[in-house]
Amino acid sequence: CCVCGLPIDPSLRRPNKLSVSLEHFIPLSKGGNHSRENCSASHIICNMRKGAKLISGNFEGASI
């Protein structure tokens, strides 16, 4: 997970909170784009908690 730094289990499916979600480093609502450079995998719960906030610095293991 690019937000919390913990592994993502690819066998988990929605609605499991630890299943995979597409994370935008710069949120679309903040002018980010939907490119490979701006996207990474995260847990659904981490993505929901992060919301439209920006993560500064190192993404992996970053706190929000």
N, C-alpha and C. Protein backbone atom coordinates (compact mmCIF):
# COMPACT_ATOMS: atom_id res chain seq x y z
N CYS A 1 0.85 -1.18 0.00
CA CYS A 1 0.00 0.00 0.00
C CYS A 1 0.89 1.24 0.00
N CYS A 2 0.65 2.13 -0.94
CA CYS A 2 1.48 3.34 -1.02
C CYS A 2 1.19 4.33 0.10
N VAL A 3 0.12 4.12 0.85
CA VAL A 3 -0.21 5.03 1.94
C VAL A 3 0.37 4.53 3.26
N CYS A 4 0.09 3.27 3.62
CA CYS A 4 0.54 2.75 4.92
C CYS A 4 1.82 1.93 4.84
N GLY A 5 2.19 1.45 3.65
CA GLY A 5 3.41 0.68 3.48
C GLY A 5 3.26 -0.81 3.74
N LEU A 6 2.07 -1.26 4.14
CA LEU A 6 1.85 -2.69 4.39
C LEU A 6 1.49 -3.41 3.10
N PRO A 7 1.75 -4.72 3.02
CA PRO A 7 1.43 -5.46 1.80
C PRO A 7 -0.08 -5.52 1.55
N ILE A 8 -0.43 -5.67 0.28
CA ILE A 8 -1.83 -5.83 -0.14
C ILE A 8 -2.00 -7.27 -0.58
N ASP A 9 -2.98 -7.94 -0.04
CA ASP A 9 -3.28 -9.32 -0.40
C ASP A 9 -4.15 -9.30 -1.66
N PRO A 10 -3.61 -9.74 -2.82
CA PRO A 10 -4.38 -9.68 -4.07
C PRO A 10 -5.59 -10.60 -4.10
N SER A 11 -5.68 -11.54 -3.15
CA SER A 11 -6.83 -12.45 -3.14
C SER A 11 -8.06 -11.81 -2.48
N LEU A 12 -7.87 -10.70 -1.76
CA LEU A 12 -9.00 -10.04 -1.10
C LEU A 12 -9.81 -9.25 -2.13
N ARG A 13 -11.12 -9.29 -1.97
CA ARG A 13 -12.02 -8.59 -2.88
C ARG A 13 -12.90 -7.64 -2.09
N ARG A 14 -13.42 -6.63 -2.78
CA ARG A 14 -14.39 -5.73 -2.16
C ARG A 14 -15.55 -6.53 -1.63
N PRO A 15 -16.10 -6.21 -0.52
CA PRO A 15 -15.98 -5.00 0.28
C PRO A 15 -14.93 -5.08 1.38
N ASN A 16 -14.01 -6.04 1.34
CA ASN A 16 -12.96 -6.13 2.35
C ASN A 16 -12.16 -4.83 2.38
N LYS A 17 -12.00 -4.24 3.55
CA LYS A 17 -11.32 -2.95 3.69
C LYS A 17 -9.85 -3.00 3.31
N LEU A 18 -9.27 -4.20 3.28
CA LEU A 18 -7.85 -4.32 2.94
C LEU A 18 -7.63 -4.77 1.50
N SER A 19 -8.71 -4.79 0.69
CA SER A 19 -8.55 -5.13 -0.72
C SER A 19 -7.92 -3.95 -1.45
N VAL A 20 -7.52 -4.19 -2.69
CA VAL A 20 -6.76 -3.20 -3.46
C VAL A 20 -7.67 -2.09 -4.00
N SER A 21 -7.07 -0.91 -4.06
CA SER A 21 -7.74 0.27 -4.60
C SER A 21 -6.71 1.08 -5.37
N LEU A 22 -7.15 1.84 -6.35
CA LEU A 22 -6.25 2.70 -7.12
C LEU A 22 -6.12 4.04 -6.41
N GLU A 23 -4.91 4.38 -6.03
CA GLU A 23 -4.62 5.63 -5.31
C GLU A 23 -3.98 6.63 -6.26
N HIS A 24 -4.46 7.85 -6.26
CA HIS A 24 -3.85 8.94 -7.02
C HIS A 24 -3.02 9.77 -6.04
N PHE A 25 -1.72 9.89 -6.30
CA PHE A 25 -0.85 10.68 -5.42
C PHE A 25 -1.35 12.12 -5.34
N ILE A 26 -1.58 12.72 -6.51
CA ILE A 26 -2.22 14.03 -6.58
C ILE A 26 -3.66 13.75 -6.97
N PRO A 27 -4.61 13.95 -6.05
CA PRO A 27 -6.00 13.61 -6.33
C PRO A 27 -6.52 14.30 -7.59
N LEU A 28 -7.42 13.62 -8.28
CA LEU A 28 -8.02 14.18 -9.48
C LEU A 28 -8.68 15.52 -9.15
N SER A 29 -9.29 15.62 -7.96
CA SER A 29 -9.96 16.85 -7.56
C SER A 29 -8.99 18.00 -7.31
N LYS A 30 -7.69 17.68 -7.19
CA LYS A 30 -6.66 18.71 -6.96
C LYS A 30 -5.84 18.95 -8.22
N GLY A 31 -6.33 18.47 -9.38
CA GLY A 31 -5.64 18.70 -10.65
C GLY A 31 -4.74 17.56 -11.09
N GLY A 32 -4.72 16.47 -10.33
CA GLY A 32 -3.92 15.32 -10.73
C GLY A 32 -4.52 14.64 -11.95
N ASN A 33 -3.71 13.85 -12.61
CA ASN A 33 -4.22 13.14 -13.79
C ASN A 33 -4.27 11.64 -13.54
N HIS A 34 -4.86 10.95 -14.46
CA HIS A 34 -5.03 9.50 -14.34
C HIS A 34 -3.92 8.81 -15.14
N SER A 35 -2.66 9.02 -14.72
CA SER A 35 -1.51 8.44 -15.42
C SER A 35 -0.80 7.46 -14.50
N ARG A 36 0.07 6.64 -15.09
CA ARG A 36 0.85 5.69 -14.29
C ARG A 36 1.71 6.38 -13.25
N GLU A 37 2.24 7.53 -13.60
CA GLU A 37 3.12 8.25 -12.69
C GLU A 37 2.37 8.79 -11.48
N ASN A 38 1.06 8.98 -11.60
CA ASN A 38 0.27 9.57 -10.52
C ASN A 38 -0.55 8.52 -9.77
N CYS A 39 -0.42 7.25 -10.14
CA CYS A 39 -1.25 6.21 -9.53
C CYS A 39 -0.41 5.10 -8.91
N SER A 40 -0.96 4.50 -7.88
CA SER A 40 -0.35 3.34 -7.26
C SER A 40 -1.45 2.57 -6.53
N ALA A 41 -1.09 1.41 -6.01
CA ALA A 41 -2.06 0.57 -5.30
C ALA A 41 -2.09 0.94 -3.82
N SER A 42 -3.27 0.88 -3.25
CA SER A 42 -3.44 1.11 -1.82
C SER A 42 -4.57 0.22 -1.32
N HIS A 43 -4.66 0.11 0.00
CA HIS A 43 -5.82 -0.55 0.59
C HIS A 43 -7.02 0.39 0.42
N ILE A 44 -8.20 -0.16 0.25
CA ILE A 44 -9.39 0.68 0.14
C ILE A 44 -9.52 1.60 1.36
N ILE A 45 -9.32 1.07 2.55
CA ILE A 45 -9.50 1.86 3.77
C ILE A 45 -8.48 3.00 3.83
N CYS A 46 -7.25 2.75 3.41
CA CYS A 46 -6.23 3.80 3.40
C CYS A 46 -6.60 4.90 2.41
N ASN A 47 -7.09 4.49 1.24
CA ASN A 47 -7.49 5.44 0.22
C ASN A 47 -8.67 6.28 0.71
N MET A 48 -9.63 5.65 1.37
CA MET A 48 -10.79 6.38 1.89
C MET A 48 -10.37 7.36 2.99
N ARG A 49 -9.47 6.94 3.87
CA ARG A 49 -9.02 7.82 4.95
C ARG A 49 -8.22 8.99 4.41
N LYS A 50 -7.42 8.74 3.39
CA LYS A 50 -6.61 9.80 2.79
C LYS A 50 -7.50 10.82 2.11
N GLY A 51 -8.53 10.36 1.44
CA GLY A 51 -9.43 11.27 0.74
C GLY A 51 -8.70 12.09 -0.31
N ALA A 52 -8.95 13.38 -0.34
CA ALA A 52 -8.34 14.27 -1.33
C ALA A 52 -7.09 14.97 -0.79
N LYS A 53 -6.53 14.45 0.31
CA LYS A 53 -5.31 15.03 0.87
C LYS A 53 -4.12 14.65 0.03
N LEU A 54 -3.09 15.47 0.06
CA LEU A 54 -1.84 15.15 -0.61
C LEU A 54 -0.92 14.48 0.40
N ILE A 55 -0.16 13.50 -0.06
CA ILE A 55 0.86 12.88 0.78
C ILE A 55 2.17 13.55 0.40
N SER A 56 2.86 14.11 1.38
CA SER A 56 4.13 14.78 1.08
C SER A 56 5.29 13.83 1.31
N GLY A 57 6.33 14.02 0.52
CA GLY A 57 7.55 13.23 0.69
C GLY A 57 7.41 11.83 0.14
N ASN A 58 8.01 10.88 0.85
CA ASN A 58 8.02 9.48 0.45
C ASN A 58 6.63 8.88 0.63
N PHE A 59 6.05 8.36 -0.43
CA PHE A 59 4.69 7.83 -0.36
C PHE A 59 4.62 6.56 0.43
N GLU A 60 5.54 5.64 0.22
CA GLU A 60 5.46 4.34 0.89
C GLU A 60 5.69 4.50 2.38
N GLY A 61 4.75 4.06 3.14
CA GLY A 61 4.84 4.13 4.59
C GLY A 61 4.52 5.52 5.14
N ALA A 62 4.04 6.41 4.28
CA ALA A 62 3.73 7.77 4.73
C ALA A 62 2.49 7.77 5.61
N SER A 63 2.50 8.64 6.57
CA SER A 63 1.29 8.80 7.37
C SER A 63 0.47 9.92 6.75
N ILE A 64 -0.83 9.86 7.00
CA ILE A 64 -1.70 10.88 6.42
C ILE A 64 -2.27 11.77 7.49
